[in-house]
């Protein structure tokens, strides 16, 4: 259950999402809360991202997943990102319980960071993944930091 302060923060986050990320929606804002939506990269590929909030939000970092497509292939079909586990080269933290890739998105989390920024980092990751598919380079070659 969300505290009063968390409810106020979630309301603010909802307004920010409506304005800056209108393709993302809140789901189950009173329980298993997450934000989910579709993006299309400059290369034309579509990905569905999910930011999962735990009961410590905004003081704890939300988990960010690529939920569709569930299997993310490495360039040339040499395996999957899903099977890499924790990988700096691909900026992933393994997979969630449902097998979806978890993206490493923000190095030093604090409560001032909004979900808009989390989703922007997810969008950048998807663009870097598309670049990996084109070039074979690691995602970290495109995402510095």
N, C-alpha and C. Protein backbone atom coordinates (compact mmCIF):
# COMPACT_ATOMS: atom_id res chain seq x y z
N UNK A 1 0.85 -1.18 0.00
CA UNK A 1 0.00 0.00 0.00
C UNK A 1 0.89 1.25 0.00
N UNK A 2 0.55 2.19 -0.80
CA UNK A 2 1.33 3.41 -0.91
C UNK A 2 1.00 4.38 0.21
N UNK A 3 2.03 5.04 0.75
CA UNK A 3 1.81 6.08 1.76
C UNK A 3 1.25 7.32 1.07
N UNK A 4 0.81 8.27 1.86
CA UNK A 4 0.28 9.51 1.32
C UNK A 4 1.33 10.22 0.45
N UNK A 5 2.56 10.31 0.95
CA UNK A 5 3.63 10.96 0.17
C UNK A 5 3.90 10.21 -1.14
N UNK A 6 3.88 8.88 -1.09
CA UNK A 6 4.08 8.12 -2.32
C UNK A 6 2.92 8.33 -3.30
N UNK A 7 1.71 8.41 -2.79
CA UNK A 7 0.56 8.66 -3.65
C UNK A 7 0.69 10.01 -4.35
N UNK A 8 1.15 11.01 -3.61
CA UNK A 8 1.37 12.33 -4.22
C UNK A 8 2.45 12.25 -5.29
N UNK A 9 3.51 11.53 -5.02
CA UNK A 9 4.59 11.38 -6.00
C UNK A 9 4.09 10.65 -7.25
N UNK A 10 3.31 9.60 -7.05
CA UNK A 10 2.77 8.85 -8.19
C UNK A 10 1.83 9.73 -9.02
N UNK A 11 1.06 10.58 -8.37
CA UNK A 11 0.20 11.51 -9.10
C UNK A 11 1.03 12.47 -9.94
N UNK A 12 2.11 12.99 -9.38
CA UNK A 12 3.02 13.86 -10.14
C UNK A 12 3.64 13.10 -11.30
N UNK A 13 4.11 11.89 -11.04
CA UNK A 13 4.69 11.08 -12.10
C UNK A 13 3.68 10.84 -13.22
N UNK A 14 2.42 10.62 -12.86
CA UNK A 14 1.38 10.42 -13.87
C UNK A 14 1.21 11.64 -14.76
N UNK A 15 1.26 12.83 -14.17
CA UNK A 15 1.14 14.06 -14.95
C UNK A 15 2.35 14.24 -15.87
N UNK A 16 3.55 13.92 -15.36
CA UNK A 16 4.75 14.02 -16.18
C UNK A 16 4.70 13.03 -17.35
N UNK A 17 4.24 11.82 -17.08
CA UNK A 17 4.12 10.83 -18.15
C UNK A 17 3.12 11.28 -19.21
N UNK A 18 1.98 11.82 -18.78
CA UNK A 18 0.98 12.31 -19.75
C UNK A 18 1.58 13.36 -20.67
N UNK A 19 2.42 14.20 -20.11
CA UNK A 19 2.99 15.30 -20.90
C UNK A 19 4.18 14.86 -21.77
N UNK A 20 5.10 14.08 -21.17
CA UNK A 20 6.37 13.80 -21.85
C UNK A 20 6.50 12.38 -22.42
N UNK A 21 5.71 11.46 -21.93
CA UNK A 21 5.75 10.07 -22.43
C UNK A 21 4.32 9.54 -22.55
N UNK A 22 3.50 10.14 -23.41
CA UNK A 22 2.08 9.77 -23.44
C UNK A 22 1.80 8.34 -23.91
N UNK A 23 2.79 7.65 -24.47
CA UNK A 23 2.58 6.27 -24.90
C UNK A 23 2.75 5.27 -23.75
N UNK A 24 3.06 5.78 -22.56
CA UNK A 24 3.22 4.93 -21.39
C UNK A 24 2.08 5.18 -20.41
N UNK A 25 1.62 4.11 -19.79
CA UNK A 25 0.49 4.18 -18.86
C UNK A 25 0.85 3.51 -17.54
N UNK A 26 0.23 4.00 -16.46
CA UNK A 26 0.32 3.35 -15.15
C UNK A 26 -0.62 2.15 -15.14
N UNK A 27 -0.19 1.09 -14.48
CA UNK A 27 -1.04 -0.07 -14.27
C UNK A 27 -1.04 -0.41 -12.79
N UNK A 28 -2.21 -0.74 -12.28
CA UNK A 28 -2.42 -1.13 -10.88
C UNK A 28 -1.75 -0.16 -9.92
N UNK A 29 -2.18 1.10 -9.92
CA UNK A 29 -1.52 2.09 -9.06
C UNK A 29 -1.71 1.88 -7.57
N UNK A 30 -2.50 0.88 -7.17
CA UNK A 30 -2.69 0.63 -5.74
C UNK A 30 -2.06 -0.67 -5.27
N UNK A 31 -1.39 -1.39 -6.17
CA UNK A 31 -0.81 -2.67 -5.77
C UNK A 31 0.50 -2.93 -6.47
N UNK A 32 0.50 -3.86 -7.41
CA UNK A 32 1.69 -4.23 -8.19
C UNK A 32 1.86 -3.19 -9.29
N UNK A 33 2.40 -2.04 -8.94
CA UNK A 33 2.40 -0.88 -9.82
C UNK A 33 3.55 -0.92 -10.82
N UNK A 34 3.21 -0.65 -12.07
CA UNK A 34 4.22 -0.55 -13.11
C UNK A 34 3.75 0.42 -14.19
N UNK A 35 4.70 0.85 -14.99
CA UNK A 35 4.42 1.72 -16.15
C UNK A 35 4.84 0.92 -17.36
N UNK A 36 4.00 0.93 -18.37
CA UNK A 36 4.32 0.14 -19.55
C UNK A 36 3.86 0.87 -20.80
N UNK A 37 4.63 0.71 -21.87
CA UNK A 37 4.26 1.31 -23.14
C UNK A 37 5.17 0.87 -24.26
N UNK A 38 4.78 1.22 -25.47
CA UNK A 38 5.53 0.86 -26.67
C UNK A 38 6.34 2.05 -27.17
N UNK A 39 7.50 1.74 -27.73
CA UNK A 39 8.29 2.76 -28.41
C UNK A 39 8.68 2.21 -29.78
N UNK A 40 8.98 3.11 -30.68
CA UNK A 40 9.52 2.72 -31.98
C UNK A 40 10.84 3.43 -32.16
N UNK A 41 11.87 2.65 -32.48
CA UNK A 41 13.21 3.22 -32.65
C UNK A 41 13.31 3.92 -34.00
N UNK A 42 14.37 4.66 -34.17
CA UNK A 42 14.62 5.33 -35.46
C UNK A 42 14.77 4.32 -36.59
N UNK A 43 15.18 3.10 -36.25
CA UNK A 43 15.32 2.05 -37.25
C UNK A 43 14.00 1.35 -37.59
N UNK A 44 12.92 1.75 -36.89
CA UNK A 44 11.61 1.19 -37.18
C UNK A 44 11.20 0.00 -36.34
N UNK A 45 12.07 -0.46 -35.45
CA UNK A 45 11.71 -1.59 -34.58
C UNK A 45 10.88 -1.11 -33.40
N UNK A 46 9.97 -1.98 -32.96
CA UNK A 46 9.10 -1.65 -31.83
C UNK A 46 9.46 -2.50 -30.62
N UNK A 47 9.47 -1.84 -29.47
CA UNK A 47 9.78 -2.50 -28.20
C UNK A 47 8.77 -2.04 -27.17
N UNK A 48 8.41 -2.96 -26.29
CA UNK A 48 7.55 -2.61 -25.17
C UNK A 48 8.40 -2.63 -23.91
N UNK A 49 8.38 -1.50 -23.18
CA UNK A 49 9.16 -1.35 -21.95
C UNK A 49 8.23 -1.34 -20.75
N UNK A 50 8.75 -1.87 -19.65
CA UNK A 50 8.00 -1.85 -18.38
C UNK A 50 8.93 -1.40 -17.27
N UNK A 51 8.51 -0.37 -16.52
CA UNK A 51 9.21 0.06 -15.32
C UNK A 51 8.39 -0.43 -14.13
N UNK A 52 8.97 -1.34 -13.36
CA UNK A 52 8.31 -1.96 -12.22
C UNK A 52 8.69 -1.22 -10.94
N UNK A 53 7.68 -0.73 -10.21
CA UNK A 53 7.94 0.01 -8.97
C UNK A 53 7.75 -0.91 -7.78
N UNK A 54 8.65 -0.83 -6.81
CA UNK A 54 8.44 -1.58 -5.58
C UNK A 54 7.93 -0.65 -4.49
N UNK A 55 7.65 -1.18 -3.32
CA UNK A 55 7.02 -0.38 -2.27
C UNK A 55 7.93 0.68 -1.67
N UNK A 56 9.19 0.73 -2.09
CA UNK A 56 10.11 1.76 -1.62
C UNK A 56 10.20 2.97 -2.54
N UNK A 57 9.53 2.92 -3.69
CA UNK A 57 9.61 4.03 -4.64
C UNK A 57 9.08 5.31 -3.98
N UNK A 58 9.70 6.46 -4.16
CA UNK A 58 10.76 6.83 -5.08
C UNK A 58 12.18 6.68 -4.52
N UNK A 59 12.30 6.13 -3.32
CA UNK A 59 13.62 6.02 -2.71
C UNK A 59 14.38 4.81 -3.22
N UNK A 60 13.66 3.86 -3.83
CA UNK A 60 14.31 2.71 -4.45
C UNK A 60 14.10 2.78 -5.96
N UNK A 61 15.09 2.34 -6.65
CA UNK A 61 15.11 2.40 -8.11
C UNK A 61 14.13 1.39 -8.72
N UNK A 62 13.32 1.83 -9.68
CA UNK A 62 12.45 0.86 -10.36
C UNK A 62 13.26 -0.05 -11.28
N UNK A 63 12.78 -1.26 -11.45
CA UNK A 63 13.39 -2.17 -12.41
C UNK A 63 12.82 -1.85 -13.79
N UNK A 64 13.66 -1.93 -14.81
CA UNK A 64 13.24 -1.61 -16.18
C UNK A 64 13.47 -2.84 -17.05
N UNK A 65 12.42 -3.27 -17.76
CA UNK A 65 12.47 -4.47 -18.57
C UNK A 65 12.03 -4.19 -20.00
N UNK A 66 12.58 -4.96 -20.94
CA UNK A 66 12.03 -5.05 -22.29
C UNK A 66 11.11 -6.26 -22.25
N UNK A 67 9.80 -6.03 -22.34
CA UNK A 67 8.85 -7.13 -22.22
C UNK A 67 8.40 -7.67 -23.58
N UNK A 68 8.64 -6.89 -24.63
CA UNK A 68 8.29 -7.35 -25.96
C UNK A 68 9.21 -6.69 -26.96
N UNK A 69 9.92 -7.43 -27.79
CA UNK A 69 9.93 -8.88 -27.80
C UNK A 69 10.62 -9.45 -26.57
N UNK A 70 10.16 -10.60 -26.15
CA UNK A 70 10.72 -11.20 -24.94
C UNK A 70 12.14 -11.71 -25.18
N UNK A 71 12.37 -12.29 -26.33
CA UNK A 71 13.70 -12.76 -26.69
C UNK A 71 14.41 -11.71 -27.53
N UNK A 72 15.56 -11.27 -27.07
CA UNK A 72 16.36 -10.28 -27.78
C UNK A 72 17.61 -10.97 -28.32
N UNK A 73 17.66 -11.13 -29.62
CA UNK A 73 18.75 -11.85 -30.27
C UNK A 73 19.99 -10.98 -30.38
N UNK A 74 21.13 -11.61 -30.26
CA UNK A 74 22.39 -10.94 -30.56
C UNK A 74 22.54 -10.85 -32.08
N UNK A 75 23.34 -9.91 -32.53
CA UNK A 75 23.54 -9.70 -33.96
C UNK A 75 24.00 -11.01 -34.62
N UNK A 76 23.38 -11.33 -35.74
CA UNK A 76 23.74 -12.53 -36.46
C UNK A 76 23.21 -13.82 -35.85
N UNK A 77 22.31 -13.72 -34.85
CA UNK A 77 21.74 -14.91 -34.25
C UNK A 77 22.73 -15.72 -33.42
N UNK A 78 23.77 -15.06 -32.88
CA UNK A 78 24.82 -15.74 -32.10
C UNK A 78 24.42 -16.03 -30.67
N UNK A 79 23.16 -16.01 -30.37
CA UNK A 79 22.68 -16.21 -29.02
C UNK A 79 21.68 -15.11 -28.69
N UNK A 80 21.39 -14.96 -27.40
CA UNK A 80 20.42 -13.96 -26.98
C UNK A 80 20.98 -13.08 -25.87
N UNK A 81 20.48 -11.87 -25.81
CA UNK A 81 20.80 -10.97 -24.70
C UNK A 81 20.27 -11.59 -23.42
N UNK A 82 19.12 -12.27 -23.50
CA UNK A 82 18.50 -12.90 -22.33
C UNK A 82 19.45 -13.87 -21.63
N UNK A 83 20.33 -14.51 -22.39
CA UNK A 83 21.21 -15.53 -21.82
C UNK A 83 22.53 -14.98 -21.28
N UNK A 84 22.75 -13.67 -21.41
CA UNK A 84 24.02 -13.09 -20.99
C UNK A 84 24.17 -12.96 -19.48
N UNK A 85 23.06 -12.92 -18.75
CA UNK A 85 23.13 -12.63 -17.32
C UNK A 85 23.49 -11.17 -17.13
N UNK A 86 24.19 -10.86 -16.05
CA UNK A 86 24.64 -9.49 -15.82
C UNK A 86 25.76 -9.19 -16.81
N UNK A 87 25.61 -8.10 -17.57
CA UNK A 87 26.60 -7.80 -18.60
C UNK A 87 26.79 -6.29 -18.73
N UNK A 88 28.01 -5.84 -18.41
CA UNK A 88 28.33 -4.42 -18.63
C UNK A 88 28.31 -4.11 -20.12
N UNK A 89 28.82 -5.03 -20.93
CA UNK A 89 28.90 -4.80 -22.37
C UNK A 89 27.53 -4.53 -22.99
N UNK A 90 26.48 -5.11 -22.39
CA UNK A 90 25.14 -4.91 -22.92
C UNK A 90 24.23 -4.13 -21.98
N UNK A 91 24.77 -3.61 -20.88
CA UNK A 91 24.00 -2.81 -19.92
C UNK A 91 22.73 -3.53 -19.49
N UNK A 92 22.88 -4.80 -19.11
CA UNK A 92 21.75 -5.58 -18.62
C UNK A 92 22.08 -6.17 -17.26
N UNK A 93 21.01 -6.41 -16.51
CA UNK A 93 21.14 -6.97 -15.17
C UNK A 93 20.56 -8.38 -15.10
N UNK A 94 20.56 -9.07 -16.22
CA UNK A 94 19.99 -10.41 -16.28
C UNK A 94 18.56 -10.35 -16.77
N UNK A 95 17.75 -11.28 -16.26
CA UNK A 95 16.34 -11.32 -16.65
C UNK A 95 15.47 -11.33 -15.41
N UNK A 96 14.23 -10.92 -15.60
CA UNK A 96 13.26 -10.99 -14.53
C UNK A 96 12.71 -12.40 -14.39
N UNK A 97 11.77 -12.58 -13.48
CA UNK A 97 11.21 -13.91 -13.24
C UNK A 97 10.48 -14.45 -14.47
N UNK A 98 10.03 -13.58 -15.36
CA UNK A 98 9.34 -14.02 -16.56
C UNK A 98 10.28 -14.15 -17.76
N UNK A 99 11.58 -13.97 -17.55
CA UNK A 99 12.56 -14.15 -18.61
C UNK A 99 12.84 -12.92 -19.45
N UNK A 100 12.19 -11.81 -19.15
CA UNK A 100 12.41 -10.58 -19.92
C UNK A 100 13.73 -9.93 -19.48
N UNK A 101 14.41 -9.31 -20.43
CA UNK A 101 15.69 -8.66 -20.16
C UNK A 101 15.49 -7.44 -19.26
N UNK A 102 16.32 -7.36 -18.20
CA UNK A 102 16.30 -6.20 -17.31
C UNK A 102 17.44 -5.27 -17.70
N UNK A 103 17.09 -4.03 -18.00
CA UNK A 103 18.06 -3.02 -18.45
C UNK A 103 18.65 -2.30 -17.24
N UNK A 104 19.95 -2.10 -17.27
CA UNK A 104 20.62 -1.22 -16.31
C UNK A 104 20.43 0.21 -16.83
N UNK A 105 19.78 1.06 -16.06
CA UNK A 105 19.39 2.35 -16.63
C UNK A 105 19.97 3.57 -15.95
N UNK A 106 20.14 3.59 -14.64
CA UNK A 106 20.67 4.78 -13.98
C UNK A 106 21.66 4.33 -12.92
N UNK A 107 22.87 4.86 -13.00
CA UNK A 107 23.95 4.41 -12.13
C UNK A 107 23.73 4.78 -10.67
N UNK A 108 23.45 6.03 -10.38
CA UNK A 108 23.31 6.50 -8.99
C UNK A 108 21.89 7.00 -8.76
N UNK A 109 21.03 6.11 -8.31
CA UNK A 109 19.63 6.45 -8.12
C UNK A 109 19.43 7.34 -6.91
N UNK A 110 18.55 8.32 -7.03
CA UNK A 110 18.06 9.06 -5.87
C UNK A 110 16.61 9.45 -6.17
N UNK A 111 15.91 9.86 -5.13
CA UNK A 111 14.46 10.09 -5.23
C UNK A 111 14.08 11.27 -6.12
N UNK A 112 15.04 12.08 -6.55
CA UNK A 112 14.70 13.21 -7.42
C UNK A 112 14.54 12.79 -8.88
N UNK A 113 14.95 11.58 -9.21
CA UNK A 113 14.88 11.12 -10.60
C UNK A 113 13.45 10.69 -10.92
N UNK A 114 12.95 11.15 -12.04
CA UNK A 114 11.57 10.83 -12.41
C UNK A 114 11.50 9.60 -13.30
N UNK A 115 10.31 9.06 -13.41
CA UNK A 115 10.09 7.91 -14.29
C UNK A 115 10.27 8.29 -15.75
N UNK A 116 10.08 9.56 -16.08
CA UNK A 116 10.32 10.00 -17.45
C UNK A 116 11.78 9.73 -17.82
N UNK A 117 12.71 10.04 -16.90
CA UNK A 117 14.12 9.79 -17.18
C UNK A 117 14.40 8.29 -17.30
N UNK A 118 13.79 7.49 -16.44
CA UNK A 118 13.97 6.04 -16.51
C UNK A 118 13.55 5.54 -17.90
N UNK A 119 12.39 6.00 -18.37
CA UNK A 119 11.91 5.56 -19.67
C UNK A 119 12.78 6.08 -20.80
N UNK A 120 13.29 7.32 -20.67
CA UNK A 120 14.21 7.83 -21.69
C UNK A 120 15.46 6.96 -21.78
N UNK A 121 15.95 6.52 -20.64
CA UNK A 121 17.11 5.63 -20.65
C UNK A 121 16.77 4.31 -21.33
N UNK A 122 15.55 3.83 -21.13
CA UNK A 122 15.11 2.62 -21.82
C UNK A 122 15.04 2.81 -23.32
N UNK A 123 14.55 3.96 -23.74
CA UNK A 123 14.48 4.28 -25.17
C UNK A 123 15.89 4.33 -25.77
N UNK A 124 16.81 4.98 -25.06
CA UNK A 124 18.20 5.03 -25.54
C UNK A 124 18.80 3.63 -25.63
N UNK A 125 18.49 2.78 -24.65
CA UNK A 125 18.99 1.41 -24.68
C UNK A 125 18.46 0.68 -25.92
N UNK A 126 17.18 0.87 -26.24
CA UNK A 126 16.61 0.21 -27.42
C UNK A 126 17.27 0.72 -28.70
N UNK A 127 17.57 2.01 -28.77
CA UNK A 127 18.29 2.54 -29.93
C UNK A 127 19.68 1.90 -30.04
N UNK A 128 20.36 1.75 -28.89
CA UNK A 128 21.69 1.13 -28.88
C UNK A 128 21.59 -0.35 -29.25
N UNK A 129 20.53 -1.01 -28.82
CA UNK A 129 20.34 -2.41 -29.20
C UNK A 129 20.14 -2.53 -30.71
N UNK A 130 19.36 -1.64 -31.30
CA UNK A 130 19.20 -1.62 -32.75
C UNK A 130 20.55 -1.40 -33.45
N UNK A 131 21.37 -0.51 -32.89
CA UNK A 131 22.70 -0.27 -33.46
C UNK A 131 23.56 -1.54 -33.35
N UNK A 132 23.43 -2.26 -32.24
CA UNK A 132 24.13 -3.54 -32.11
C UNK A 132 23.69 -4.51 -33.20
N UNK A 133 22.40 -4.58 -33.46
CA UNK A 133 21.90 -5.49 -34.49
C UNK A 133 22.47 -5.14 -35.87
N UNK A 134 22.67 -3.85 -36.12
CA UNK A 134 23.23 -3.42 -37.42
C UNK A 134 24.73 -3.65 -37.52
N UNK A 135 25.46 -3.42 -36.41
CA UNK A 135 26.92 -3.36 -36.48
C UNK A 135 27.63 -4.52 -35.78
N UNK A 136 26.97 -5.16 -34.84
CA UNK A 136 27.62 -6.19 -34.03
C UNK A 136 28.37 -5.65 -32.83
N UNK A 137 28.45 -4.32 -32.69
CA UNK A 137 29.15 -3.72 -31.55
C UNK A 137 28.33 -3.91 -30.29
N UNK A 138 29.02 -3.94 -29.16
CA UNK A 138 28.35 -4.02 -27.88
C UNK A 138 27.53 -2.76 -27.60
N UNK A 139 26.50 -2.90 -26.83
CA UNK A 139 25.65 -1.77 -26.48
C UNK A 139 26.46 -0.71 -25.73
N UNK A 140 27.42 -1.11 -24.92
CA UNK A 140 28.21 -0.13 -24.16
C UNK A 140 29.02 0.78 -25.08
N UNK A 141 29.23 0.36 -26.33
CA UNK A 141 29.94 1.23 -27.28
C UNK A 141 29.09 2.43 -27.67
N UNK A 142 27.79 2.32 -27.50
CA UNK A 142 26.86 3.40 -27.86
C UNK A 142 26.36 4.17 -26.64
N UNK A 143 26.38 3.54 -25.48
CA UNK A 143 25.93 4.17 -24.25
C UNK A 143 27.14 4.37 -23.35
N UNK A 144 27.65 5.55 -23.33
CA UNK A 144 28.84 5.83 -22.50
C UNK A 144 28.41 6.05 -21.07
N UNK A 145 29.19 5.54 -20.15
CA UNK A 145 28.91 5.78 -18.74
C UNK A 145 28.67 4.54 -17.95
